[in-house]
Amino acid sequence: MLLVRSHKWGDRYTIAGGHVEVGETLEDALRREIREEVGLEIKDVRFLMTQEAIFSPEFWEKRHFIFFDFVCRCKTEAVRVDGEEIQSYEWVEPTKAVRMKLDAFTRRMVKAFLSSTGVKPRPKSRGTAGPI
């Protein structure tokens, strides 16, 4: 799973994406935004869920978002961040993603993805006991 770090989300990890242009389908918008923000071409696109964010305190300015979350595959893994919206990225296993510093909407999306695949998220480790 590709997670990106954005100053707009309080330096949390989120997913690449953006707005829909007039006359653009959701899938066309997804392809364009992924290409613009991380330089990737995608395939095998499927819809996962819808979320609504009304004035989220995690976002840098007061906005009302409706998120259409999709799952897809990338044709390559050669990420090129735009340096404006996104500062860095990390490829992670989805079970690891839930233990990272994510915005609430990305966390919900990751959990929904794991649930759709039958995988349960692993809780954060509280440390390990050593030999007695």
C-alpha atoms as a PDB file:
ATOM      1  CA  MET A   1       0.000   0.000   0.000  1.00  0.00           C
ATOM      2  CA  LEU A   2       1.334   3.425  -0.907  1.00  0.00           C
ATOM      3  CA  LEU A   3       1.038   5.998   1.876  1.00  0.00           C
ATOM      4  CA  VAL A   4       2.109   9.597   1.436  1.00  0.00           C
ATOM      5  CA  ARG A   5       3.003  12.183   4.056  1.00  0.00           C
ATOM      6  CA  SER A   6       1.334  15.560   3.664  1.00  0.00           C
ATOM      7  CA  HIS A   7       1.802  18.802   5.593  1.00  0.00           C
ATOM      8  CA  LYS A   8      -1.867  19.528   4.835  1.00  0.00           C
ATOM      9  CA  TRP A   9      -2.841  16.618   7.105  1.00  0.00           C
ATOM     10  CA  GLY A  10      -0.644  17.623  10.051  1.00  0.00           C
ATOM     11  CA  ASP A  11       2.346  15.663   8.711  1.00  0.00           C
ATOM     12  CA  ARG A  12       0.320  12.453   8.923  1.00  0.00           C
ATOM     13  CA  TYR A  13       0.301   9.696   6.367  1.00  0.00           C
ATOM     14  CA  THR A  14      -2.620   9.712   3.981  1.00  0.00           C
ATOM     15  CA  ILE A  15      -3.338   8.435   0.477  1.00  0.00           C
ATOM     16  CA  ALA A  16      -2.779  10.274  -2.789  1.00  0.00           C
ATOM     17  CA  GLY A  17      -5.859  11.778  -4.374  1.00  0.00           C
ATOM     18  CA  GLY A  18      -7.651  15.006  -5.060  1.00  0.00           C
ATOM     19  CA  HIS A  19     -10.608  16.721  -6.645  1.00  0.00           C
ATOM     20  CA  VAL A  20     -12.761  15.838  -9.641  1.00  0.00           C
ATOM     21  CA  GLU A  21     -12.656  18.213 -12.607  1.00  0.00           C
ATOM     22  CA  VAL A  22     -15.915  19.231 -14.311  1.00  0.00           C
ATOM     23  CA  GLY A  23     -16.927  16.498 -16.772  1.00  0.00           C
ATOM     24  CA  GLU A  24     -14.426  13.976 -15.348  1.00  0.00           C
ATOM     25  CA  THR A  25     -15.487  10.551 -14.075  1.00  0.00           C
ATOM     26  CA  LEU A  26     -14.355   9.481 -10.603  1.00  0.00           C
ATOM     27  CA  GLU A  27     -12.035   6.866 -12.103  1.00  0.00           C
ATOM     28  CA  ASP A  28     -10.526   9.374 -14.563  1.00  0.00           C
ATOM     29  CA  ALA A  29      -9.983  11.803 -11.664  1.00  0.00           C
ATOM     30  CA  LEU A  30      -8.293   9.048  -9.662  1.00  0.00           C
ATOM     31  CA  ARG A  31      -5.939   8.193 -12.538  1.00  0.00           C
ATOM     32  CA  ARG A  32      -5.076  11.881 -13.109  1.00  0.00           C
ATOM     33  CA  GLU A  33      -4.489  12.695  -9.434  1.00  0.00           C
ATOM     34  CA  ILE A  34      -2.297   9.618  -8.871  1.00  0.00           C
ATOM     35  CA  ARG A  35      -0.263  10.507 -11.973  1.00  0.00           C
ATOM     36  CA  GLU A  36       0.095  14.168 -10.877  1.00  0.00           C
ATOM     37  CA  GLU A  37       0.895  13.546  -7.209  1.00  0.00           C
ATOM     38  CA  VAL A  38       3.046  10.411  -7.297  1.00  0.00           C
ATOM     39  CA  GLY A  39       3.830   9.800 -10.987  1.00  0.00           C
ATOM     40  CA  LEU A  40       2.202   6.357 -11.151  1.00  0.00           C
ATOM     41  CA  GLU A  41      -0.098   4.731 -13.682  1.00  0.00           C
ATOM     42  CA  ILE A  42      -2.771   2.501 -12.125  1.00  0.00           C
ATOM     43  CA  LYS A  43      -4.839  -0.529 -13.120  1.00  0.00           C
ATOM     44  CA  ASP A  44      -7.425  -2.927 -11.647  1.00  0.00           C
ATOM     45  CA  VAL A  45      -9.406  -0.101 -10.040  1.00  0.00           C
ATOM     46  CA  ARG A  46     -12.280  -0.978  -7.709  1.00  0.00           C
ATOM     47  CA  PHE A  47     -14.429   1.185  -5.462  1.00  0.00           C
ATOM     48  CA  LEU A  48     -14.046   0.584  -1.705  1.00  0.00           C
ATOM     49  CA  MET A  49     -16.071   3.167   0.227  1.00  0.00           C
ATOM     50  CA  THR A  50     -17.307   6.736   0.618  1.00  0.00           C
ATOM     51  CA  GLN A  51     -16.427   8.991   3.542  1.00  0.00           C
ATOM     52  CA  GLU A  52     -17.365  12.527   4.504  1.00  0.00           C
ATOM     53  CA  ALA A  53     -15.057  14.939   6.323  1.00  0.00           C
ATOM     54  CA  ILE A  54     -16.659  18.138   7.585  1.00  0.00           C
ATOM     55  CA  PHE A  55     -14.098  20.597   8.933  1.00  0.00           C
ATOM     56  CA  SER A  56     -11.676  17.897  10.104  1.00  0.00           C
ATOM     57  CA  PRO A  57      -9.298  19.311  12.731  1.00  0.00           C
ATOM     58  CA  GLU A  58      -6.539  17.173  11.143  1.00  0.00           C
ATOM     59  CA  PHE A  59      -6.667  19.161   7.884  1.00  0.00           C
ATOM     60  CA  TRP A  60      -4.768  22.435   7.638  1.00  0.00           C
ATOM     61  CA  GLU A  61      -7.796  24.514   6.647  1.00  0.00           C
ATOM     62  CA  LYS A  62     -11.558  24.414   7.098  1.00  0.00           C
ATOM     63  CA  ARG A  63     -12.928  22.200   4.293  1.00  0.00           C
ATOM     64  CA  HIS A  64     -15.797  19.858   3.583  1.00  0.00           C
ATOM     65  CA  PHE A  65     -14.651  16.737   1.708  1.00  0.00           C
ATOM     66  CA  ILE A  66     -16.490  13.773   0.278  1.00  0.00           C
ATOM     67  CA  PHE A  67     -13.952  10.984  -0.253  1.00  0.00           C
ATOM     68  CA  PHE A  68     -14.509   8.237  -2.805  1.00  0.00           C
ATOM     69  CA  ASP A  69     -11.929   5.647  -1.750  1.00  0.00           C
ATOM     70  CA  PHE A  70     -10.691   3.220  -4.376  1.00  0.00           C
ATOM     71  CA  VAL A  71      -8.309   0.280  -4.334  1.00  0.00           C
ATOM     72  CA  CYS A  72      -6.046  -0.255  -7.329  1.00  0.00           C
ATOM     73  CA  ARG A  73      -2.740  -1.695  -8.438  1.00  0.00           C
ATOM     74  CA  CYS A  74       0.180   0.264  -9.824  1.00  0.00           C
ATOM     75  CA  LYS A  75       1.854  -0.635 -13.102  1.00  0.00           C
ATOM     76  CA  THR A  76       5.249   0.216 -11.516  1.00  0.00           C
ATOM     77  CA  GLU A  77       6.534   1.111  -8.044  1.00  0.00           C
ATOM     78  CA  ALA A  78       8.702   4.056  -9.170  1.00  0.00           C
ATOM     79  CA  VAL A  79       7.122   6.869  -7.135  1.00  0.00           C
ATOM     80  CA  ARG A  80       7.842  10.507  -7.960  1.00  0.00           C
ATOM     81  CA  VAL A  81       6.341  12.841  -5.326  1.00  0.00           C
ATOM     82  CA  ASP A  82       5.226  16.289  -6.432  1.00  0.00           C
ATOM     83  CA  GLY A  83       6.934  18.065  -3.490  1.00  0.00           C
ATOM     84  CA  GLU A  84       3.931  20.378  -3.075  1.00  0.00           C
ATOM     85  CA  GLU A  85       1.041  18.334  -1.757  1.00  0.00           C
ATOM     86  CA  ILE A  86       3.204  15.384  -0.757  1.00  0.00           C
ATOM     87  CA  GLN A  87       6.544  15.493   1.064  1.00  0.00           C
ATOM     88  CA  SER A  88       7.432  11.783   1.243  1.00  0.00           C
ATOM     89  CA  TYR A  89       6.019   8.317   0.728  1.00  0.00           C
ATOM     90  CA  GLU A  90       6.289   4.791   2.009  1.00  0.00           C
ATOM     91  CA  TRP A  91       5.229   1.418   0.583  1.00  0.00           C
ATOM     92  CA  VAL A  92       3.854  -0.639   3.485  1.00  0.00           C
ATOM     93  CA  GLU A  93       1.890  -3.786   4.143  1.00  0.00           C
ATOM     94  CA  PRO A  94      -1.701  -2.789   4.990  1.00  0.00           C
ATOM     95  CA  THR A  95      -1.457  -4.558   8.355  1.00  0.00           C
ATOM     96  CA  LYS A  96       1.506  -2.293   9.197  1.00  0.00           C
ATOM     97  CA  ALA A  97      -0.286   0.828   7.933  1.00  0.00           C
ATOM     98  CA  VAL A  98      -2.879   0.750  10.740  1.00  0.00           C
ATOM     99  CA  ARG A  99      -0.047   1.177  13.271  1.00  0.00           C
ATOM    100  CA  MET A 100       1.317   4.327  11.572  1.00  0.00           C
ATOM    101  CA  LYS A 101       0.478   8.002  12.114  1.00  0.00           C
ATOM    102  CA  LEU A 102      -2.479   8.214   9.692  1.00  0.00           C
ATOM    103  CA  ASP A 103      -5.268  10.729   9.344  1.00  0.00           C
ATOM    104  CA  ALA A 104      -8.569   9.311  10.632  1.00  0.00           C
ATOM    105  CA  PHE A 105     -10.058   8.871   7.154  1.00  0.00           C
ATOM    106  CA  THR A 106      -7.064   6.930   5.845  1.00  0.00           C
ATOM    107  CA  ARG A 107      -7.128   4.744   8.968  1.00  0.00           C
ATOM    108  CA  ARG A 108     -10.819   3.981   8.350  1.00  0.00           C
ATOM    109  CA  MET A 109     -10.086   3.207   4.685  1.00  0.00           C
ATOM    110  CA  VAL A 110      -7.190   0.869   5.541  1.00  0.00           C
ATOM    111  CA  LYS A 111      -9.352  -1.007   8.054  1.00  0.00           C
ATOM    112  CA  ALA A 112     -12.148  -1.304   5.470  1.00  0.00           C
ATOM    113  CA  PHE A 113      -9.653  -2.643   2.930  1.00  0.00           C
ATOM    114  CA  LEU A 114      -8.322  -5.216   5.392  1.00  0.00           C
ATOM    115  CA  SER A 115     -11.861  -6.233   6.285  1.00  0.00           C
ATOM    116  CA  SER A 116     -12.714  -6.657   2.582  1.00  0.00           C
ATOM    117  CA  THR A 117      -9.784  -9.071   2.222  1.00  0.00           C
ATOM    118  CA  GLY A 118     -10.562 -10.979   5.430  1.00  0.00           C
ATOM    119  CA  VAL A 119      -7.361  -9.799   7.166  1.00  0.00           C
ATOM    120  CA  LYS A 120      -7.633  -8.472  10.709  1.00  0.00           C
ATOM    121  CA  PRO A 121      -5.421  -5.504  11.632  1.00  0.00           C
ATOM    122  CA  ARG A 122      -2.732  -6.305  14.170  1.00  0.00           C
ATOM    123  CA  PRO A 123      -2.809  -4.124  17.284  1.00  0.00           C
ATOM    124  CA  LYS A 124       0.168  -1.962  18.171  1.00  0.00           C
ATOM    125  CA  SER A 125       2.840  -3.899  19.977  1.00  0.00           C
ATOM    126  CA  ARG A 126       3.245  -3.014  23.651  1.00  0.00           C
ATOM    127  CA  GLY A 127       6.756  -4.374  23.745  1.00  0.00           C
ATOM    128  CA  THR A 128       8.109  -7.847  24.177  1.00  0.00           C
ATOM    129  CA  ALA A 129       9.106  -9.690  27.270  1.00  0.00           C
ATOM    130  CA  GLY A 130      12.665 -10.911  27.502  1.00  0.00           C
ATOM    131  CA  PRO A 131      13.937 -14.031  29.172  1.00  0.00           C
ATOM    132  CA  ILE A 132      13.450 -14.286  32.923  1.00  0.00           C
END
